[in-house]
Amino acid sequence: MPPPNPKHRPHSLQGALRDHFLAYFSGHACTPSSFPAGPMALAAPEFQVLRFAPGPRTGLWTYASLGAADFHQGNDPRLEFVMLAAEPDMRLVELVTIVAWHHRDSCLGVGHTALLGEPWLADSACDSILLSLPYPFGPELEMHEVGETHVQILWALPITRAERDFKVKNGLDALEELFDEDAIEFWAPHRSSVVRG
């Protein structure tokens, strides 16, 4: 359980989402973090990334954004993001922050991709991010209502540039079928691309 956060307001949207994550990942040690560099630290200093250690829900490390749902304009969806990894790494805090910042500027959604321009972890062929439903956790994590406010939690999945190009050409369903056929180890930075040739 993380130490009390003086910025945490129990009845705020961010506070309610924090409680949702903590309840879902009950039994997982949680550490709130933030990425000190970049525009997010200046524009939204209350934004955090919750790092959940392995536990009963998953043997992986889970990084969850906390505050992206506040980047809401008009009919834009209120979103938060999770990313998974085999080992703890501050790079994941940075990446989740980057995804949330892109959502602030561009209103992301399911099936959107972003080119990182560099590997998500050292020496990985995955240099892009795909936003997908959080299949490892299901709708219990994905959908959350705070009063009349609907928040959806999406999975930021690292993919290769070839996979990204395949998705752009053939669609999200076609790419996810390849992932299922290959039973990809999505947490492994050195996994092979499912798009070959």
N, C-alpha and C. Protein backbone atom coordinates (compact mmCIF):
# COMPACT_ATOMS: atom_id res chain seq x y z
N MET A 1 0.85 -1.19 0.00
CA MET A 1 0.00 0.00 0.00
C MET A 1 0.88 1.23 0.00
N PRO A 2 0.65 2.20 -0.91
CA PRO A 2 1.51 3.38 -0.97
C PRO A 2 1.26 4.29 0.23
N PRO A 3 2.23 5.12 0.57
CA PRO A 3 2.00 6.08 1.64
C PRO A 3 0.94 7.08 1.24
N PRO A 4 0.27 7.72 2.20
CA PRO A 4 -0.76 8.70 1.86
C PRO A 4 -0.20 9.80 0.96
N ASN A 5 -1.00 10.20 0.01
CA ASN A 5 -0.60 11.24 -0.93
C ASN A 5 -1.35 12.51 -0.59
N PRO A 6 -0.66 13.58 -0.24
CA PRO A 6 -1.37 14.80 0.14
C PRO A 6 -2.22 15.38 -0.98
N LYS A 7 -1.91 15.01 -2.24
CA LYS A 7 -2.71 15.51 -3.35
C LYS A 7 -3.92 14.63 -3.62
N HIS A 8 -4.03 13.51 -2.90
CA HIS A 8 -5.14 12.59 -3.11
C HIS A 8 -6.39 13.10 -2.43
N ARG A 9 -7.44 13.38 -3.24
CA ARG A 9 -8.71 13.82 -2.70
C ARG A 9 -9.70 12.67 -2.88
N PRO A 10 -10.21 12.08 -1.78
CA PRO A 10 -11.02 10.86 -1.88
C PRO A 10 -12.20 10.97 -2.83
N HIS A 11 -12.77 12.17 -3.01
CA HIS A 11 -13.94 12.28 -3.84
C HIS A 11 -13.62 12.81 -5.25
N SER A 12 -12.36 13.00 -5.56
CA SER A 12 -11.98 13.44 -6.89
C SER A 12 -11.96 12.26 -7.84
N LEU A 13 -12.00 12.56 -9.14
CA LEU A 13 -11.90 11.49 -10.14
C LEU A 13 -10.60 10.74 -9.97
N GLN A 14 -9.50 11.47 -9.83
CA GLN A 14 -8.20 10.81 -9.68
C GLN A 14 -8.17 9.95 -8.42
N GLY A 15 -8.75 10.45 -7.34
CA GLY A 15 -8.80 9.66 -6.11
C GLY A 15 -9.62 8.40 -6.27
N ALA A 16 -10.77 8.50 -6.97
CA ALA A 16 -11.61 7.33 -7.18
C ALA A 16 -10.91 6.30 -8.06
N LEU A 17 -10.18 6.76 -9.07
CA LEU A 17 -9.46 5.83 -9.94
C LEU A 17 -8.30 5.18 -9.19
N ARG A 18 -7.65 5.94 -8.34
CA ARG A 18 -6.60 5.36 -7.51
C ARG A 18 -7.17 4.23 -6.66
N ASP A 19 -8.32 4.47 -6.06
CA ASP A 19 -8.96 3.43 -5.25
C ASP A 19 -9.32 2.22 -6.09
N HIS A 20 -9.76 2.46 -7.34
CA HIS A 20 -10.10 1.36 -8.25
C HIS A 20 -8.87 0.50 -8.54
N PHE A 21 -7.76 1.13 -8.86
CA PHE A 21 -6.54 0.37 -9.13
C PHE A 21 -6.09 -0.39 -7.88
N LEU A 22 -6.11 0.26 -6.74
CA LEU A 22 -5.65 -0.38 -5.51
C LEU A 22 -6.54 -1.57 -5.14
N ALA A 23 -7.84 -1.44 -5.37
CA ALA A 23 -8.74 -2.55 -5.08
C ALA A 23 -8.52 -3.71 -6.06
N TYR A 24 -8.39 -3.38 -7.34
CA TYR A 24 -8.19 -4.44 -8.34
C TYR A 24 -6.88 -5.18 -8.09
N PHE A 25 -5.83 -4.44 -7.80
CA PHE A 25 -4.51 -5.04 -7.58
C PHE A 25 -4.24 -5.26 -6.09
N SER A 26 -5.27 -5.56 -5.33
CA SER A 26 -5.10 -5.88 -3.92
C SER A 26 -4.13 -7.06 -3.78
N GLY A 27 -3.18 -6.94 -2.87
CA GLY A 27 -2.16 -7.97 -2.71
C GLY A 27 -0.90 -7.70 -3.49
N HIS A 28 -0.90 -6.64 -4.31
CA HIS A 28 0.29 -6.22 -5.05
C HIS A 28 0.86 -4.98 -4.35
N ALA A 29 2.14 -5.00 -4.03
CA ALA A 29 2.77 -3.79 -3.48
C ALA A 29 2.69 -2.68 -4.52
N CYS A 30 2.37 -1.48 -4.09
CA CYS A 30 2.18 -0.35 -5.00
C CYS A 30 3.10 0.80 -4.63
N THR A 31 3.75 1.36 -5.65
CA THR A 31 4.62 2.52 -5.46
C THR A 31 4.21 3.60 -6.45
N PRO A 32 3.76 4.76 -5.97
CA PRO A 32 3.47 5.87 -6.90
C PRO A 32 4.77 6.50 -7.38
N SER A 33 4.82 6.81 -8.66
CA SER A 33 6.01 7.40 -9.26
C SER A 33 5.60 8.51 -10.21
N SER A 34 6.57 9.31 -10.60
CA SER A 34 6.35 10.31 -11.64
C SER A 34 7.65 10.48 -12.41
N PHE A 35 7.50 10.90 -13.67
CA PHE A 35 8.67 11.14 -14.51
C PHE A 35 9.02 12.62 -14.40
N PRO A 36 10.20 12.94 -13.87
CA PRO A 36 10.49 14.33 -13.52
C PRO A 36 10.77 15.25 -14.69
N ALA A 37 11.10 14.68 -15.85
CA ALA A 37 11.42 15.51 -17.01
C ALA A 37 10.24 15.56 -17.96
N GLY A 38 10.29 16.47 -18.92
CA GLY A 38 9.27 16.52 -19.95
C GLY A 38 8.11 17.44 -19.59
N PRO A 39 7.20 17.64 -20.54
CA PRO A 39 6.14 18.63 -20.37
C PRO A 39 5.10 18.26 -19.31
N MET A 40 4.89 16.96 -19.06
CA MET A 40 3.87 16.55 -18.10
C MET A 40 4.17 17.09 -16.71
N ALA A 41 5.44 17.06 -16.33
CA ALA A 41 5.82 17.51 -14.99
C ALA A 41 5.45 18.97 -14.76
N LEU A 42 5.44 19.76 -15.83
CA LEU A 42 5.10 21.18 -15.72
C LEU A 42 3.59 21.41 -15.87
N ALA A 43 2.98 20.73 -16.83
CA ALA A 43 1.58 20.99 -17.15
C ALA A 43 0.61 20.30 -16.21
N ALA A 44 0.99 19.14 -15.69
CA ALA A 44 0.09 18.37 -14.82
C ALA A 44 0.91 17.71 -13.72
N PRO A 45 1.41 18.48 -12.77
CA PRO A 45 2.29 17.92 -11.74
C PRO A 45 1.61 16.89 -10.85
N GLU A 46 0.27 16.84 -10.85
CA GLU A 46 -0.44 15.86 -10.05
C GLU A 46 -0.49 14.49 -10.72
N PHE A 47 -0.12 14.42 -12.01
CA PHE A 47 -0.14 13.15 -12.75
C PHE A 47 0.86 12.18 -12.12
N GLN A 48 0.45 10.92 -11.99
CA GLN A 48 1.31 9.89 -11.42
C GLN A 48 1.23 8.61 -12.26
N VAL A 49 2.19 7.74 -12.02
CA VAL A 49 2.14 6.37 -12.53
C VAL A 49 2.25 5.46 -11.31
N LEU A 50 1.27 4.57 -11.15
CA LEU A 50 1.29 3.61 -10.06
C LEU A 50 2.00 2.35 -10.53
N ARG A 51 3.03 1.95 -9.80
CA ARG A 51 3.77 0.72 -10.14
C ARG A 51 3.34 -0.39 -9.20
N PHE A 52 2.77 -1.44 -9.76
CA PHE A 52 2.32 -2.59 -8.98
C PHE A 52 3.29 -3.75 -9.18
N ALA A 53 3.81 -4.27 -8.08
CA ALA A 53 4.69 -5.42 -8.13
C ALA A 53 3.88 -6.68 -8.45
N PRO A 54 4.54 -7.76 -8.86
CA PRO A 54 3.82 -9.01 -9.10
C PRO A 54 3.02 -9.44 -7.87
N GLY A 55 1.92 -10.11 -8.14
CA GLY A 55 1.05 -10.54 -7.06
C GLY A 55 -0.01 -11.49 -7.57
N PRO A 56 -1.16 -11.55 -6.89
CA PRO A 56 -2.18 -12.55 -7.27
C PRO A 56 -2.81 -12.32 -8.64
N ARG A 57 -2.86 -11.09 -9.14
CA ARG A 57 -3.47 -10.84 -10.44
C ARG A 57 -2.56 -11.21 -11.60
N THR A 58 -1.27 -10.95 -11.44
CA THR A 58 -0.30 -11.21 -12.51
C THR A 58 1.09 -11.32 -11.92
N GLY A 59 1.91 -12.13 -12.55
CA GLY A 59 3.31 -12.24 -12.16
C GLY A 59 4.19 -11.17 -12.78
N LEU A 60 3.58 -10.24 -13.51
CA LEU A 60 4.31 -9.17 -14.17
C LEU A 60 4.24 -7.89 -13.35
N TRP A 61 5.08 -6.94 -13.69
CA TRP A 61 5.01 -5.59 -13.13
C TRP A 61 4.01 -4.79 -13.96
N THR A 62 3.12 -4.09 -13.28
CA THR A 62 2.08 -3.32 -13.95
C THR A 62 2.26 -1.84 -13.63
N TYR A 63 2.24 -1.03 -14.67
CA TYR A 63 2.37 0.42 -14.54
C TYR A 63 1.07 1.05 -15.02
N ALA A 64 0.42 1.83 -14.15
CA ALA A 64 -0.89 2.39 -14.46
C ALA A 64 -0.86 3.90 -14.35
N SER A 65 -1.36 4.58 -15.37
CA SER A 65 -1.45 6.04 -15.32
C SER A 65 -2.53 6.45 -14.33
N LEU A 66 -2.33 7.60 -13.73
CA LEU A 66 -3.31 8.14 -12.79
C LEU A 66 -3.38 9.66 -13.02
N GLY A 67 -4.39 10.08 -13.75
CA GLY A 67 -4.55 11.49 -14.06
C GLY A 67 -4.83 11.75 -15.53
N ALA A 68 -4.64 10.75 -16.40
CA ALA A 68 -4.92 10.95 -17.83
C ALA A 68 -6.40 11.20 -18.07
N ALA A 69 -7.27 10.63 -17.23
CA ALA A 69 -8.71 10.82 -17.40
C ALA A 69 -9.14 12.26 -17.21
N ASP A 70 -8.29 13.05 -16.57
CA ASP A 70 -8.59 14.48 -16.41
C ASP A 70 -8.34 15.27 -17.69
N PHE A 71 -7.61 14.67 -18.66
CA PHE A 71 -7.34 15.36 -19.92
C PHE A 71 -8.54 15.16 -20.84
N HIS A 72 -9.61 15.83 -20.55
CA HIS A 72 -10.89 15.56 -21.19
C HIS A 72 -11.46 16.83 -21.77
N GLN A 73 -11.84 16.75 -23.05
CA GLN A 73 -12.46 17.91 -23.70
C GLN A 73 -13.65 17.43 -24.51
N GLY A 74 -14.78 18.07 -24.32
CA GLY A 74 -15.97 17.73 -25.10
C GLY A 74 -16.37 16.28 -24.93
N ASN A 75 -16.49 15.58 -26.07
CA ASN A 75 -16.90 14.18 -26.05
C ASN A 75 -15.73 13.21 -26.07
N ASP A 76 -14.52 13.72 -25.88
CA ASP A 76 -13.36 12.83 -25.85
C ASP A 76 -13.54 11.79 -24.75
N PRO A 77 -13.08 10.56 -24.99
CA PRO A 77 -13.18 9.55 -23.94
C PRO A 77 -12.23 9.86 -22.78
N ARG A 78 -12.65 9.49 -21.59
CA ARG A 78 -11.77 9.59 -20.43
C ARG A 78 -11.01 8.27 -20.33
N LEU A 79 -9.71 8.33 -20.45
CA LEU A 79 -8.88 7.12 -20.52
C LEU A 79 -7.78 7.15 -19.47
N GLU A 80 -7.42 5.96 -18.99
CA GLU A 80 -6.17 5.72 -18.30
C GLU A 80 -5.48 4.58 -19.03
N PHE A 81 -4.20 4.36 -18.72
CA PHE A 81 -3.41 3.40 -19.49
C PHE A 81 -2.59 2.51 -18.56
N VAL A 82 -2.44 1.24 -18.95
CA VAL A 82 -1.57 0.32 -18.22
C VAL A 82 -0.54 -0.26 -19.17
N MET A 83 0.61 -0.56 -18.64
CA MET A 83 1.69 -1.21 -19.38
C MET A 83 2.29 -2.29 -18.49
N LEU A 84 2.71 -3.39 -19.10
CA LEU A 84 3.20 -4.55 -18.36
C LEU A 84 4.64 -4.85 -18.74
N ALA A 85 5.40 -5.35 -17.78
CA ALA A 85 6.80 -5.71 -18.04
C ALA A 85 7.22 -6.83 -17.10
N ALA A 86 8.25 -7.55 -17.52
CA ALA A 86 8.75 -8.66 -16.71
C ALA A 86 9.57 -8.18 -15.52
N GLU A 87 10.21 -7.03 -15.66
CA GLU A 87 11.08 -6.50 -14.62
C GLU A 87 10.73 -5.03 -14.36
N PRO A 88 10.99 -4.56 -13.14
CA PRO A 88 10.73 -3.14 -12.87
C PRO A 88 11.74 -2.25 -13.59
N ASP A 89 11.26 -1.13 -14.12
CA ASP A 89 12.15 -0.24 -14.87
C ASP A 89 11.49 1.13 -14.94
N MET A 90 12.22 2.18 -14.55
CA MET A 90 11.68 3.53 -14.63
C MET A 90 11.33 3.94 -16.05
N ARG A 91 11.87 3.23 -17.01
CA ARG A 91 11.51 3.50 -18.41
C ARG A 91 10.00 3.33 -18.62
N LEU A 92 9.38 2.41 -17.88
CA LEU A 92 7.95 2.20 -18.03
C LEU A 92 7.17 3.40 -17.49
N VAL A 93 7.66 4.03 -16.43
CA VAL A 93 7.03 5.24 -15.92
C VAL A 93 7.07 6.33 -17.00
N GLU A 94 8.22 6.44 -17.65
CA GLU A 94 8.36 7.42 -18.74
C GLU A 94 7.40 7.12 -19.88
N LEU A 95 7.31 5.85 -20.28
CA LEU A 95 6.47 5.50 -21.43
C LEU A 95 4.99 5.73 -21.15
N VAL A 96 4.54 5.34 -19.96
CA VAL A 96 3.13 5.57 -19.62
C VAL A 96 2.84 7.06 -19.60
N THR A 97 3.78 7.85 -19.11
CA THR A 97 3.62 9.31 -19.11
C THR A 97 3.55 9.85 -20.53
N ILE A 98 4.39 9.32 -21.42
CA ILE A 98 4.37 9.75 -22.82
C ILE A 98 3.03 9.44 -23.47
N VAL A 99 2.51 8.23 -23.23
CA VAL A 99 1.22 7.86 -23.81
C VAL A 99 0.12 8.79 -23.30
N ALA A 100 0.12 9.06 -21.99
CA ALA A 100 -0.88 9.95 -21.42
C ALA A 100 -0.77 11.35 -22.00
N TRP A 101 0.46 11.82 -22.22
CA TRP A 101 0.65 13.14 -22.81
C TRP A 101 0.13 13.19 -24.24
N HIS A 102 0.37 12.13 -25.00
CA HIS A 102 -0.17 12.07 -26.37
C HIS A 102 -1.70 12.10 -26.35
N HIS A 103 -2.29 11.42 -25.36
CA HIS A 103 -3.75 11.44 -25.25
C HIS A 103 -4.23 12.86 -24.95
N ARG A 104 -3.50 13.57 -24.13
CA ARG A 104 -3.85 14.96 -23.80
C ARG A 104 -3.92 15.82 -25.06
N ASP A 105 -2.99 15.57 -25.98
CA ASP A 105 -2.90 16.38 -27.19
C ASP A 105 -3.74 15.86 -28.35
N SER A 106 -3.94 14.52 -28.41
CA SER A 106 -4.48 13.93 -29.64
C SER A 106 -5.72 13.08 -29.45
N CYS A 107 -6.21 12.91 -28.24
CA CYS A 107 -7.42 12.10 -27.99
C CYS A 107 -7.26 10.69 -28.57
N LEU A 108 -6.55 9.85 -27.87
CA LEU A 108 -6.28 8.49 -28.32
C LEU A 108 -7.48 7.59 -28.07
N GLY A 109 -7.40 6.36 -28.59
CA GLY A 109 -8.46 5.38 -28.39
C GLY A 109 -7.98 4.00 -28.81
N VAL A 110 -8.86 3.03 -28.69
CA VAL A 110 -8.53 1.64 -29.04
C VAL A 110 -8.08 1.56 -30.49
N GLY A 111 -6.96 0.87 -30.71
CA GLY A 111 -6.45 0.67 -32.06
C GLY A 111 -5.46 1.72 -32.50
N HIS A 112 -5.34 2.81 -31.77
CA HIS A 112 -4.36 3.83 -32.13
C HIS A 112 -2.95 3.32 -31.87
N THR A 113 -2.03 3.81 -32.67
CA THR A 113 -0.62 3.45 -32.50
C THR A 113 0.20 4.73 -32.42
N ALA A 114 1.34 4.58 -31.78
CA ALA A 114 2.29 5.70 -31.69
C ALA A 114 3.69 5.15 -31.91
N LEU A 115 4.45 5.82 -32.74
CA LEU A 115 5.83 5.44 -33.00
C LEU A 115 6.73 6.12 -31.97
N LEU A 116 7.45 5.33 -31.20
CA LEU A 116 8.33 5.89 -30.18
C LEU A 116 9.60 6.46 -30.77
N GLY A 117 10.08 5.86 -31.85
CA GLY A 117 11.34 6.30 -32.46
C GLY A 117 12.56 5.70 -31.81
N GLU A 118 12.34 4.85 -30.80
CA GLU A 118 13.43 4.15 -30.11
C GLU A 118 12.84 2.93 -29.43
N PRO A 119 13.66 1.95 -29.07
CA PRO A 119 13.12 0.75 -28.42
C PRO A 119 12.43 1.07 -27.10
N TRP A 120 11.37 0.30 -26.79
CA TRP A 120 10.68 0.54 -25.52
C TRP A 120 11.56 0.14 -24.35
N LEU A 121 12.36 -0.91 -24.53
CA LEU A 121 13.41 -1.28 -23.59
C LEU A 121 14.66 -1.61 -24.39
N ALA A 122 15.80 -1.62 -23.74
CA ALA A 122 17.08 -1.73 -24.44
C ALA A 122 17.11 -2.91 -25.40
N ASP A 123 17.55 -2.65 -26.61
CA ASP A 123 17.77 -3.66 -27.65
C ASP A 123 16.50 -4.37 -28.10
N SER A 124 15.35 -3.82 -27.80
CA SER A 124 14.09 -4.42 -28.24
C SER A 124 13.78 -3.97 -29.67
N ALA A 125 13.15 -4.87 -30.44
CA ALA A 125 12.67 -4.50 -31.77
C ALA A 125 11.36 -3.72 -31.70
N CYS A 126 10.74 -3.69 -30.53
CA CYS A 126 9.47 -2.97 -30.36
C CYS A 126 9.75 -1.49 -30.15
N ASP A 127 9.35 -0.69 -31.13
CA ASP A 127 9.60 0.75 -31.07
C ASP A 127 8.32 1.55 -31.27
N SER A 128 7.18 0.87 -31.11
CA SER A 128 5.87 1.51 -31.25
C SER A 128 4.96 1.02 -30.14
N ILE A 129 3.85 1.72 -29.95
CA ILE A 129 2.87 1.36 -28.93
C ILE A 129 1.51 1.19 -29.62
N LEU A 130 0.82 0.12 -29.28
CA LEU A 130 -0.55 -0.11 -29.72
C LEU A 130 -1.47 0.02 -28.51
N LEU A 131 -2.54 0.77 -28.65
CA LEU A 131 -3.54 0.84 -27.60
C LEU A 131 -4.61 -0.20 -27.85
N SER A 132 -4.77 -1.08 -26.88
CA SER A 132 -5.66 -2.23 -27.01
C SER A 132 -6.52 -2.35 -25.75
N LEU A 133 -7.53 -3.18 -25.80
CA LEU A 133 -8.25 -3.52 -24.59
C LEU A 133 -7.31 -4.27 -23.65
N PRO A 134 -7.48 -4.14 -22.35
CA PRO A 134 -6.55 -4.79 -21.41
C PRO A 134 -6.87 -6.27 -21.23
N TYR A 135 -6.63 -7.05 -22.29
CA TYR A 135 -6.99 -8.46 -22.29
C TYR A 135 -6.42 -9.25 -21.11
N PRO A 136 -5.20 -8.96 -20.64
CA PRO A 136 -4.70 -9.75 -19.50
C PRO A 136 -5.55 -9.59 -18.24
N PHE A 137 -6.39 -8.55 -18.16
CA PHE A 137 -7.15 -8.27 -16.94
C PHE A 137 -8.66 -8.31 -17.13
N GLY A 138 -9.15 -7.98 -18.31
CA GLY A 138 -10.58 -8.07 -18.57
C GLY A 138 -11.36 -6.84 -18.16
N PRO A 139 -12.70 -6.91 -18.33
CA PRO A 139 -13.55 -5.73 -18.12
C PRO A 139 -13.61 -5.27 -16.67
N GLU A 140 -13.28 -6.13 -15.72
CA GLU A 140 -13.31 -5.71 -14.32
C GLU A 140 -12.34 -4.56 -14.08
N LEU A 141 -11.20 -4.59 -14.75
CA LEU A 141 -10.27 -3.46 -14.66
C LEU A 141 -10.62 -2.39 -15.68
N GLU A 142 -11.00 -2.81 -16.88
CA GLU A 142 -11.14 -1.87 -18.00
C GLU A 142 -12.19 -0.80 -17.78
N MET A 143 -13.35 -1.17 -17.28
CA MET A 143 -14.47 -0.24 -17.18
C MET A 143 -14.65 0.21 -15.74
N HIS A 144 -14.74 1.51 -15.54
CA HIS A 144 -14.97 2.02 -14.19
C HIS A 144 -15.86 3.25 -14.26
N GLU A 145 -16.87 3.26 -13.41
CA GLU A 145 -17.79 4.38 -13.33
C GLU A 145 -17.53 5.16 -12.04
N VAL A 146 -17.40 6.47 -12.17
CA VAL A 146 -17.28 7.35 -11.03
C VAL A 146 -18.47 8.30 -11.08
N GLY A 147 -19.52 7.97 -10.33
CA GLY A 147 -20.77 8.71 -10.47
C GLY A 147 -21.30 8.51 -11.88
N GLU A 148 -21.49 9.59 -12.61
CA GLU A 148 -21.94 9.51 -14.00
C GLU A 148 -20.78 9.58 -15.00
N THR A 149 -19.57 9.55 -14.49
CA THR A 149 -18.39 9.64 -15.34
C THR A 149 -17.88 8.24 -15.68
N HIS A 150 -17.72 7.99 -16.96
CA HIS A 150 -17.25 6.69 -17.45
C HIS A 150 -15.76 6.80 -17.80
N VAL A 151 -14.97 5.90 -17.28
CA VAL A 151 -13.53 5.87 -17.56
C VAL A 151 -13.18 4.48 -18.10
N GLN A 152 -12.40 4.46 -19.16
CA GLN A 152 -11.92 3.21 -19.75
C GLN A 152 -10.41 3.13 -19.59
N ILE A 153 -9.94 1.96 -19.21
CA ILE A 153 -8.51 1.74 -19.03
C ILE A 153 -8.01 0.88 -20.19
N LEU A 154 -7.06 1.41 -20.94
CA LEU A 154 -6.52 0.72 -22.11
C LEU A 154 -5.11 0.21 -21.83
N TRP A 155 -4.74 -0.79 -22.62
CA TRP A 155 -3.44 -1.44 -22.51
C TRP A 155 -2.51 -0.81 -23.55
N ALA A 156 -1.39 -0.26 -23.11
CA ALA A 156 -0.36 0.25 -24.00
C ALA A 156 0.63 -0.89 -24.27
N LEU A 157 0.50 -1.50 -25.42
CA LEU A 157 1.25 -2.72 -25.77
C LEU A 157 2.39 -2.38 -26.72
N PRO A 158 3.63 -2.63 -26.33
CA PRO A 158 4.75 -2.39 -27.25
C PRO A 158 4.71 -3.36 -28.44
N ILE A 159 4.87 -2.81 -29.64
CA ILE A 159 4.87 -3.62 -30.85
C ILE A 159 6.01 -3.17 -31.75
N THR A 160 6.31 -4.00 -32.75
CA THR A 160 7.36 -3.66 -33.70
C THR A 160 6.81 -2.73 -34.78
N ARG A 161 7.70 -2.09 -35.50
CA ARG A 161 7.26 -1.21 -36.58
C ARG A 161 6.55 -2.01 -37.67
N ALA A 162 7.02 -3.24 -37.93
CA ALA A 162 6.35 -4.07 -38.93
C ALA A 162 4.93 -4.40 -38.49
N GLU A 163 4.74 -4.65 -37.20
CA GLU A 163 3.39 -4.92 -36.69
C GLU A 163 2.52 -3.68 -36.79
N ARG A 164 3.11 -2.54 -36.51
CA ARG A 164 2.36 -1.28 -36.64
C ARG A 164 1.93 -1.06 -38.08
N ASP A 165 2.85 -1.26 -39.02
CA ASP A 165 2.52 -1.08 -40.43
C ASP A 165 1.44 -2.07 -40.87
N PHE A 166 1.52 -3.30 -40.38
CA PHE A 166 0.51 -4.33 -40.69
C PHE A 166 -0.86 -3.89 -40.19
N LYS A 167 -0.91 -3.35 -38.98
CA LYS A 167 -2.18 -2.89 -38.42
C LYS A 167 -2.76 -1.75 -39.23
N VAL A 168 -1.92 -0.81 -39.65
CA VAL A 168 -2.40 0.31 -40.46
C VAL A 168 -3.00 -0.20 -41.77
N LYS A 169 -2.39 -1.22 -42.36
CA LYS A 169 -2.85 -1.74 -43.65
C LYS A 169 -4.04 -2.69 -43.51
N ASN A 170 -4.04 -3.53 -42.47
CA ASN A 170 -5.01 -4.62 -42.38
C ASN A 170 -6.02 -4.49 -41.25
N GLY A 171 -5.77 -3.58 -40.33
CA GLY A 171 -6.71 -3.38 -39.24
C GLY A 171 -6.29 -4.05 -37.95
N LEU A 172 -6.89 -3.59 -36.87
CA LEU A 172 -6.55 -4.08 -35.53
C LEU A 172 -6.89 -5.56 -35.36
N ASP A 173 -8.06 -5.98 -35.83
CA ASP A 173 -8.47 -7.37 -35.63
C ASP A 173 -7.47 -8.33 -36.28
N ALA A 174 -7.00 -7.98 -37.46
CA ALA A 174 -6.05 -8.86 -38.16
C ALA A 174 -4.75 -8.98 -37.38
N LEU A 175 -4.27 -7.88 -36.81
CA LEU A 175 -3.04 -7.94 -36.03
C LEU A 175 -3.25 -8.75 -34.75
N GLU A 176 -4.37 -8.55 -34.10
CA GLU A 176 -4.61 -9.28 -32.85
C GLU A 176 -4.77 -10.78 -33.11
N GLU A 177 -5.27 -11.15 -34.30
CA GLU A 177 -5.33 -12.57 -34.67
C GLU A 177 -3.93 -13.15 -34.76
N LEU A 178 -3.00 -12.39 -35.34
CA LEU A 178 -1.61 -12.87 -35.41
C LEU A 178 -1.02 -13.02 -34.00
N PHE A 179 -1.32 -12.07 -33.13
CA PHE A 179 -0.83 -12.17 -31.76
C PHE A 179 -1.35 -13.45 -31.10
N ASP A 180 -2.64 -13.74 -31.31
CA ASP A 180 -3.23 -14.94 -30.71
C ASP A 180 -2.60 -16.21 -31.29
N GLU A 181 -2.41 -16.22 -32.61
CA GLU A 181 -1.83 -17.40 -33.25
C GLU A 181 -0.42 -17.68 -32.75
N ASP A 182 0.35 -16.63 -32.53
CA ASP A 182 1.74 -16.78 -32.07
C ASP A 182 1.84 -16.88 -30.55
N ALA A 183 0.74 -16.61 -29.84
CA ALA A 183 0.75 -16.58 -28.37
C ALA A 183 1.95 -15.77 -27.89
N ILE A 184 2.02 -14.52 -28.30
CA ILE A 184 3.20 -13.69 -28.05
C ILE A 184 3.46 -13.50 -26.56
N GLU A 185 4.71 -13.49 -26.22
CA GLU A 185 5.13 -13.12 -24.87
C GLU A 185 5.31 -11.61 -24.86
N PHE A 186 4.19 -10.91 -24.70
CA PHE A 186 4.16 -9.46 -24.88
C PHE A 186 5.04 -8.73 -23.88
N TRP A 187 5.37 -9.39 -22.79
CA TRP A 187 6.20 -8.77 -21.75
C TRP A 187 7.69 -8.88 -22.05
N ALA A 188 8.05 -9.66 -23.07
CA ALA A 188 9.46 -9.94 -23.37
C ALA A 188 9.99 -8.90 -24.36
N PRO A 189 10.93 -8.07 -23.97
CA PRO A 189 11.40 -7.02 -24.87
C PRO A 189 12.06 -7.55 -26.14
N HIS A 190 12.57 -8.79 -26.10
CA HIS A 190 13.28 -9.33 -27.26
C HIS A 190 12.46 -10.33 -28.04
N ARG A 191 11.14 -10.26 -27.89
CA ARG A 191 10.29 -11.17 -28.65
C ARG A 191 10.40 -10.85 -30.15
N SER A 192 10.14 -11.88 -30.97
CA SER A 192 10.17 -11.70 -32.41
C SER A 192 8.86 -11.07 -32.89
N SER A 193 8.94 -10.35 -34.00
CA SER A 193 7.75 -9.77 -34.60
C SER A 193 6.88 -10.87 -35.17
N VAL A 194 5.55 -10.71 -35.05
CA VAL A 194 4.64 -11.70 -35.66
C VAL A 194 4.50 -11.43 -37.15
N VAL A 195 4.97 -10.30 -37.63
CA VAL A 195 4.95 -9.98 -39.07
C VAL A 195 6.33 -10.25 -39.61
N ARG A 196 6.42 -11.23 -40.51
CA ARG A 196 7.73 -11.66 -41.01
C ARG A 196 7.76 -11.50 -42.53
N GLY A 197 8.99 -11.39 -43.02
CA GLY A 197 9.15 -11.33 -44.46
C GLY A 197 9.21 -9.92 -45.01
